[in-house]
N, C-alpha and C. Protein backbone atom coordinates (compact mmCIF):
# COMPACT_ATOMS: atom_id res chain seq x y z
N MET A 1 0.97 -1.00 0.13
CA MET A 1 -0.06 -0.32 -0.03
C MET A 1 0.83 1.23 0.22
N ILE A 2 0.51 2.40 -1.04
CA ILE A 2 1.44 3.21 -0.83
C ILE A 2 0.44 4.63 -0.75
N GLY A 3 0.43 5.62 0.00
CA GLY A 3 -0.30 6.72 -0.23
C GLY A 3 -0.21 6.74 1.84
N SER A 4 -0.56 7.77 2.29
CA SER A 4 -0.79 8.27 3.41
C SER A 4 -2.50 7.28 3.90
N SER A 5 -2.10 6.89 5.19
CA SER A 5 -3.24 5.85 5.66
C SER A 5 -4.74 6.83 5.86
N LEU A 6 -5.03 8.27 6.00
CA LEU A 6 -6.13 8.82 5.56
C LEU A 6 -6.42 8.86 4.32
N ASP A 7 -5.59 8.58 3.23
CA ASP A 7 -6.44 8.62 2.27
C ASP A 7 -6.44 7.29 1.59
N MET A 8 -5.78 6.12 2.39
CA MET A 8 -6.47 5.32 2.15
C MET A 8 -7.86 4.57 3.01
N VAL A 9 -8.27 5.61 4.15
CA VAL A 9 -9.49 5.15 4.40
C VAL A 9 -10.44 5.88 4.09
N LEU A 10 -10.14 7.06 3.56
CA LEU A 10 -10.83 7.79 2.31
C LEU A 10 -11.36 7.02 1.26
N PHE A 11 -10.68 6.48 0.75
CA PHE A 11 -10.70 5.87 -0.73
C PHE A 11 -11.58 4.62 -0.28
N ILE A 12 -11.26 4.03 0.79
CA ILE A 12 -12.12 2.61 1.10
C ILE A 12 -13.70 3.01 1.58
N THR A 13 -13.50 4.39 2.15
CA THR A 13 -14.83 4.72 2.38
C THR A 13 -15.42 5.10 1.38
N THR A 14 -15.17 5.34 0.59
CA THR A 14 -15.60 6.06 -1.00
C THR A 14 -16.19 4.74 -1.61
N LEU A 15 -15.61 3.74 -1.42
CA LEU A 15 -16.14 2.23 -2.47
C LEU A 15 -17.09 1.47 -1.43
N SER A 16 -17.24 1.72 -0.16
CA SER A 16 -17.86 1.19 0.53
C SER A 16 -19.73 1.91 0.66
N PHE A 17 -19.41 3.02 1.06
CA PHE A 17 -20.51 4.18 0.56
C PHE A 17 -21.17 3.76 -0.66
N PHE A 18 -20.71 3.41 -2.15
CA PHE A 18 -21.00 3.08 -3.34
C PHE A 18 -21.79 1.65 -3.27
N LEU A 19 -20.55 0.56 -2.62
CA LEU A 19 -21.24 -0.74 -2.65
C LEU A 19 -22.52 -0.61 -1.32
N PHE A 20 -22.47 -0.09 -0.32
CA PHE A 20 -23.81 -0.23 0.71
C PHE A 20 -24.73 0.32 0.05
N GLY A 21 -24.64 1.53 -0.94
CA GLY A 21 -25.96 2.02 -1.68
C GLY A 21 -26.88 1.15 -2.55
N THR A 22 -25.43 0.44 -3.04
CA THR A 22 -26.11 -0.66 -4.35
C THR A 22 -26.71 -1.70 -3.41
N PHE A 23 -26.30 -2.10 -2.32
CA PHE A 23 -26.73 -3.58 -2.23
C PHE A 23 -28.06 -3.21 -1.09
N ALA A 24 -28.07 -2.28 -0.45
CA ALA A 24 -29.12 -1.55 0.65
C ALA A 24 -30.25 -1.21 -0.02
N ALA A 25 -29.95 -0.64 -1.37
CA ALA A 25 -31.55 -0.65 -2.04
C ALA A 25 -32.33 -1.59 -2.47
N VAL A 26 -31.40 -2.54 -2.55
CA VAL A 26 -31.65 -3.72 -3.21
C VAL A 26 -32.68 -4.60 -2.15
N VAL A 27 -31.90 -4.36 -0.76
CA VAL A 27 -32.80 -5.24 0.40
C VAL A 27 -33.96 -4.72 1.11
N VAL A 28 -33.79 -3.34 0.70
CA VAL A 28 -35.18 -2.56 1.65
C VAL A 28 -36.05 -2.11 -0.01
N SER A 29 -35.96 -2.78 -0.74
CA SER A 29 -37.09 -2.52 -1.92
C SER A 29 -38.17 -2.52 -1.84
N GLN A 30 -38.60 -3.20 -0.80
CA GLN A 30 -39.91 -3.38 -0.46
C GLN A 30 -40.88 -1.71 -0.55
N ASN A 31 -40.03 -1.21 0.45
CA ASN A 31 -39.94 0.34 0.85
C ASN A 31 -39.36 1.04 0.00
N PRO A 32 -40.31 1.74 -1.41
CA PRO A 32 -39.50 2.46 -2.17
C PRO A 32 -39.20 3.61 -1.68
N ARG A 33 -39.53 4.91 -1.03
CA ARG A 33 -38.79 5.79 -0.35
C ARG A 33 -37.58 5.42 0.45
N THR A 34 -37.56 4.57 1.60
CA THR A 34 -36.32 4.06 2.11
C THR A 34 -35.56 3.75 0.91
N ALA A 35 -35.65 2.66 0.32
CA ALA A 35 -34.74 2.49 -1.08
C ALA A 35 -34.06 3.57 -1.85
N ASN A 36 -34.99 4.67 -2.23
CA ASN A 36 -34.73 6.01 -2.91
C ASN A 36 -33.25 7.15 -1.77
N LEU A 37 -34.29 7.16 -0.58
CA LEU A 37 -33.20 7.83 0.22
C LEU A 37 -31.81 6.94 0.51
N ILE A 38 -31.85 5.87 0.79
CA ILE A 38 -30.72 5.10 1.29
C ILE A 38 -29.29 5.12 0.02
N SER A 39 -30.03 4.71 -1.23
CA SER A 39 -29.03 4.32 -2.20
C SER A 39 -28.36 5.91 -2.86
N HIS A 40 -29.67 6.85 -2.82
CA HIS A 40 -29.06 8.59 -3.30
C HIS A 40 -28.11 9.05 -2.29
N VAL A 41 -28.70 8.93 -0.69
CA VAL A 41 -27.74 9.58 0.00
C VAL A 41 -26.37 9.13 0.23
N SER A 42 -26.47 7.68 0.03
CA SER A 42 -25.15 6.86 0.35
C SER A 42 -24.15 7.17 -0.87
N SER A 43 -24.55 7.30 -2.40
CA SER A 43 -23.94 7.98 -3.84
C SER A 43 -23.69 9.19 -3.16
N PHE A 44 -24.31 10.27 -2.92
CA PHE A 44 -24.28 11.68 -2.46
C PHE A 44 -22.61 11.41 -1.48
N LEU A 45 -22.51 10.63 -0.66
CA LEU A 45 -21.64 10.52 0.68
C LEU A 45 -20.37 10.17 -0.05
N GLY A 46 -20.54 8.88 -1.37
CA GLY A 46 -19.30 8.13 -1.43
C GLY A 46 -19.06 9.29 -2.63
N GLY A 47 -19.42 9.99 -3.30
CA GLY A 47 -19.07 11.20 -4.02
C GLY A 47 -18.31 12.05 -3.69
N MET A 48 -18.51 12.44 -2.22
CA MET A 48 -18.21 13.25 -1.57
C MET A 48 -16.88 12.88 -1.22
N THR A 49 -16.90 11.69 -0.23
CA THR A 49 -15.35 11.36 0.09
C THR A 49 -14.67 11.13 -1.28
N GLY A 50 -15.03 10.83 -2.08
CA GLY A 50 -14.37 10.40 -3.41
C GLY A 50 -13.85 11.80 -3.93
N ALA A 51 -14.51 12.63 -4.10
CA ALA A 51 -13.80 13.99 -4.16
C ALA A 51 -12.58 14.62 -3.42
N VAL A 52 -12.99 14.53 -2.24
CA VAL A 52 -12.01 14.92 -0.88
C VAL A 52 -10.95 13.80 -1.23
N THR A 53 -10.83 12.91 -1.38
CA THR A 53 -9.86 11.84 -1.88
C THR A 53 -8.83 12.46 -3.24
N ALA A 54 -9.36 12.60 -4.34
CA ALA A 54 -9.07 13.14 -5.50
C ALA A 54 -8.12 14.21 -5.08
N LEU A 55 -8.78 15.26 -4.17
CA LEU A 55 -8.27 16.95 -3.86
C LEU A 55 -6.80 16.39 -3.36
N ARG A 56 -6.75 15.23 -2.25
CA ARG A 56 -5.63 15.10 -1.32
C ARG A 56 -5.06 14.87 -2.37
N VAL A 57 -5.04 13.43 -3.29
CA VAL A 57 -4.28 13.05 -4.45
C VAL A 57 -3.43 14.37 -5.02
N LEU A 58 -4.40 15.70 -5.56
CA LEU A 58 -3.91 16.27 -6.60
C LEU A 58 -3.27 17.52 -5.60
N LEU A 59 -3.46 17.92 -4.98
CA LEU A 59 -2.89 18.86 -3.55
C LEU A 59 -1.80 18.35 -3.21
N GLU A 60 -1.25 16.92 -2.63
CA GLU A 60 -0.19 16.75 -2.36
C GLU A 60 0.44 15.73 -3.37
N GLN A 61 0.17 15.94 -4.56
CA GLN A 61 1.10 15.28 -5.66
C GLN A 61 1.75 13.73 -4.91
N GLN A 62 0.87 13.22 -4.55
CA GLN A 62 1.13 11.17 -4.14
C GLN A 62 0.06 10.58 -4.91
N THR A 63 0.62 9.48 -5.09
CA THR A 63 -0.24 8.15 -5.56
C THR A 63 -0.85 7.19 -4.44
N ILE A 64 -1.86 7.11 -4.52
CA ILE A 64 -2.55 5.60 -3.42
C ILE A 64 -3.00 4.35 -4.37
N SER A 65 -2.14 3.60 -3.85
CA SER A 65 -1.78 2.72 -4.34
C SER A 65 -2.61 1.36 -3.24
N LEU A 66 -3.49 0.72 -3.52
CA LEU A 66 -4.43 -0.40 -2.79
C LEU A 66 -4.40 -1.80 -3.59
N SER A 67 -3.60 -2.91 -3.00
CA SER A 67 -4.09 -4.19 -3.78
C SER A 67 -5.27 -4.99 -2.72
N ALA A 68 -6.18 -5.05 -3.23
CA ALA A 68 -7.49 -5.64 -3.13
C ALA A 68 -7.37 -6.87 -2.74
N TRP A 69 -7.14 -7.92 -3.91
CA TRP A 69 -7.53 -8.88 -3.87
C TRP A 69 -6.38 -9.89 -4.59
N HIS A 70 -5.78 -10.73 -3.84
CA HIS A 70 -4.72 -11.49 -5.03
C HIS A 70 -5.60 -13.09 -5.45
N ILE A 71 -5.83 -13.11 -6.76
CA ILE A 71 -6.91 -13.79 -7.34
C ILE A 71 -5.92 -15.42 -7.25
N VAL A 72 -4.62 -15.31 -8.14
CA VAL A 72 -3.82 -16.12 -8.19
C VAL A 72 -2.45 -15.22 -7.85
N SER A 73 -0.94 -16.13 -8.02
CA SER A 73 0.10 -15.39 -7.49
C SER A 73 0.59 -14.50 -8.58
N ASP A 74 0.09 -14.72 -9.88
CA ASP A 74 0.37 -13.34 -10.95
C ASP A 74 -0.54 -12.39 -11.11
N ILE A 75 -2.39 -12.84 -10.74
CA ILE A 75 -3.41 -11.84 -10.87
C ILE A 75 -3.54 -11.27 -9.82
N SER A 76 -4.36 -10.09 -9.77
CA SER A 76 -4.62 -9.73 -8.81
C SER A 76 -5.61 -8.39 -8.91
N LEU A 77 -6.53 -8.04 -8.17
CA LEU A 77 -7.19 -6.99 -8.47
C LEU A 77 -6.78 -5.77 -7.07
N SER A 78 -6.30 -4.34 -7.88
CA SER A 78 -5.75 -3.30 -7.16
C SER A 78 -6.36 -2.09 -7.49
N PHE A 79 -6.42 -1.26 -6.89
CA PHE A 79 -6.44 0.31 -7.35
C PHE A 79 -5.45 1.22 -7.20
N ARG A 80 -5.35 1.96 -8.13
CA ARG A 80 -3.78 3.18 -8.24
C ARG A 80 -4.69 4.41 -8.42
N ILE A 81 -4.79 5.35 -7.59
CA ILE A 81 -4.71 6.77 -7.80
C ILE A 81 -3.67 7.84 -7.80
N ASP A 82 -3.45 8.16 -9.31
CA ASP A 82 -2.13 8.89 -9.52
C ASP A 82 -2.95 10.32 -9.83
N THR A 83 -2.17 11.48 -10.27
CA THR A 83 -2.67 12.91 -10.39
C THR A 83 -4.09 12.73 -11.49
N LEU A 84 -3.64 11.96 -12.24
CA LEU A 84 -4.21 12.35 -13.87
C LEU A 84 -5.73 11.45 -13.57
N SER A 85 -5.65 10.09 -12.76
CA SER A 85 -6.81 9.75 -12.18
C SER A 85 -7.93 10.14 -11.37
N ALA A 86 -6.89 11.09 -10.29
CA ALA A 86 -7.31 11.81 -9.35
C ALA A 86 -8.04 12.92 -9.74
N PHE A 87 -8.02 13.66 -10.94
CA PHE A 87 -8.29 14.62 -11.80
C PHE A 87 -9.97 14.40 -11.87
N PHE A 88 -9.43 13.08 -13.18
CA PHE A 88 -11.27 12.62 -13.71
C PHE A 88 -12.00 11.89 -12.61
N LEU A 89 -11.37 11.40 -11.55
CA LEU A 89 -12.38 11.01 -10.26
C LEU A 89 -12.78 12.21 -9.62
N LEU A 90 -12.21 13.44 -9.52
CA LEU A 90 -13.03 14.47 -8.98
C LEU A 90 -13.97 14.86 -9.80
N ILE A 91 -13.95 15.14 -11.12
CA ILE A 91 -14.94 15.51 -11.76
C ILE A 91 -16.25 14.77 -11.83
N ILE A 92 -15.91 13.02 -12.00
CA ILE A 92 -17.13 12.16 -11.72
C ILE A 92 -17.29 12.38 -10.16
N CYS A 93 -16.93 12.43 -9.58
CA CYS A 93 -17.61 12.24 -7.97
C CYS A 93 -18.52 13.49 -7.75
N VAL A 94 -18.11 14.63 -8.02
CA VAL A 94 -18.74 15.69 -8.17
C VAL A 94 -19.82 15.91 -8.95
N LEU A 95 -19.89 15.53 -9.86
CA LEU A 95 -21.12 15.00 -11.04
C LEU A 95 -22.10 14.15 -10.47
N ALA A 96 -21.55 12.90 -9.55
CA ALA A 96 -22.26 11.78 -8.89
C ALA A 96 -22.96 12.65 -7.84
N SER A 97 -22.62 13.33 -6.94
CA SER A 97 -23.05 13.89 -6.09
C SER A 97 -23.85 14.67 -6.30
N ALA A 98 -24.03 15.99 -7.63
CA ALA A 98 -25.33 16.67 -7.91
C ALA A 98 -26.32 15.97 -8.48
N VAL A 99 -25.94 14.82 -9.01
CA VAL A 99 -27.11 14.03 -9.57
C VAL A 99 -27.57 12.75 -8.70
N SER A 100 -27.14 12.51 -7.47
CA SER A 100 -27.47 12.03 -6.44
C SER A 100 -28.86 12.84 -5.86
N ILE A 101 -28.04 14.31 -5.43
CA ILE A 101 -29.23 15.35 -4.67
C ILE A 101 -30.49 15.26 -5.56
N TYR A 102 -30.28 15.62 -6.86
CA TYR A 102 -31.25 16.01 -8.00
C TYR A 102 -32.28 14.35 -7.92
N SER A 103 -31.80 13.54 -7.99
CA SER A 103 -32.64 12.08 -8.28
C SER A 103 -33.26 11.88 -7.18
N ILE A 104 -33.05 11.99 -6.18
CA ILE A 104 -33.87 12.02 -5.05
C ILE A 104 -35.40 12.32 -5.14
N GLY A 105 -35.65 13.42 -5.51
CA GLY A 105 -36.99 14.48 -5.81
C GLY A 105 -37.24 13.79 -7.33
N TYR A 106 -36.41 13.14 -8.20
CA TYR A 106 -36.49 12.90 -9.26
C TYR A 106 -37.61 11.33 -9.43
N VAL A 107 -36.57 10.81 -8.59
CA VAL A 107 -37.13 9.29 -8.46
C VAL A 107 -38.91 8.95 -7.69
N THR A 108 -39.48 9.82 -7.45
CA THR A 108 -40.23 9.55 -6.60
C THR A 108 -41.29 9.62 -7.41
N GLU A 109 -41.61 9.75 -8.90
CA GLU A 109 -42.45 9.64 -9.70
C GLU A 109 -42.39 8.27 -9.78
N TYR A 110 -41.40 7.24 -9.79
CA TYR A 110 -41.16 5.73 -10.20
C TYR A 110 -41.75 4.77 -9.12
N TYR A 111 -42.11 5.67 -8.29
CA TYR A 111 -42.21 4.83 -6.84
C TYR A 111 -43.10 3.49 -7.17
N HIS A 112 -42.96 2.23 -6.70
CA HIS A 112 -43.78 1.53 -6.81
C HIS A 112 -43.70 0.74 -8.20
N LYS A 113 -42.77 0.98 -8.86
CA LYS A 113 -42.55 0.16 -10.19
C LYS A 113 -41.37 -0.50 -9.56
N LYS A 114 -41.19 -1.98 -9.86
CA LYS A 114 -40.15 -3.03 -9.52
C LYS A 114 -38.86 -2.72 -10.01
N MET A 115 -38.77 -2.07 -11.41
CA MET A 115 -37.51 -1.67 -12.12
C MET A 115 -36.74 -0.63 -11.42
N LEU A 116 -37.44 0.27 -10.35
CA LEU A 116 -36.89 1.43 -9.96
C LEU A 116 -35.68 0.81 -9.17
N VAL A 117 -35.55 -0.26 -7.98
CA VAL A 117 -34.71 -0.63 -7.19
C VAL A 117 -33.60 -0.84 -8.42
N TYR A 118 -33.96 -1.44 -9.39
CA TYR A 118 -32.68 -2.37 -10.03
C TYR A 118 -31.97 -1.33 -10.90
N LEU A 119 -32.79 -0.30 -11.26
CA LEU A 119 -31.97 0.83 -12.23
C LEU A 119 -31.39 1.32 -10.81
N GLU A 120 -31.57 2.04 -9.78
CA GLU A 120 -30.64 2.37 -8.73
C GLU A 120 -29.21 1.77 -8.65
N ALA A 121 -29.38 0.38 -8.14
CA ALA A 121 -28.44 -0.52 -8.45
C ALA A 121 -27.57 -0.65 -9.35
N ALA A 122 -28.25 -0.59 -10.82
CA ALA A 122 -27.21 -0.79 -11.59
C ALA A 122 -26.21 0.67 -11.80
N SER A 123 -27.03 1.97 -11.74
CA SER A 123 -26.55 3.31 -12.12
C SER A 123 -24.98 3.61 -11.00
N ILE A 124 -25.47 3.02 -9.41
CA ILE A 124 -24.21 2.97 -8.92
C ILE A 124 -23.00 1.87 -9.45
N CYS A 125 -23.62 1.16 -9.69
CA CYS A 125 -22.40 -0.13 -9.98
C CYS A 125 -22.27 0.29 -11.42
N PHE A 126 -22.53 1.02 -12.44
CA PHE A 126 -21.78 1.79 -13.22
C PHE A 126 -20.86 2.35 -12.78
N CYS A 127 -21.12 3.56 -11.90
CA CYS A 127 -20.34 4.67 -11.29
C CYS A 127 -18.75 4.04 -10.42
N PHE A 128 -18.76 2.70 -10.10
CA PHE A 128 -18.38 2.45 -9.44
C PHE A 128 -16.71 1.86 -9.86
N PRO A 129 -17.00 1.31 -10.94
CA PRO A 129 -15.51 1.22 -11.77
C PRO A 129 -14.73 2.50 -12.05
N TRP A 130 -15.54 3.19 -12.36
CA TRP A 130 -14.78 4.76 -12.85
C TRP A 130 -13.83 5.03 -11.87
């Protein structure tokens, strides 16, 4: 692991917020208002912590590298944020936060339609790899 421990904690918190919002919305899908609030508030918090992480990398000019999972000896899942990826992460996270605030009110029109929860989960999963 490369980078300060605060940067690592912020990055892991960002990923945790996005993953929590994805799976919690599916779990509480019987209550659309709760699913809407959980998924979009979690997405907002994930976007804000991601933006803070990106700003710290940009200002400190340091790289965050996290090895998450070793599948076999030569294949592993790892995350690396350098200054270029931090710039794009900042843009995506700020936009994701703004969209999640807007979406709380926008999605109320689609309450009691089953595809809503899966759409919310899919949209958060789409932002996750970026």
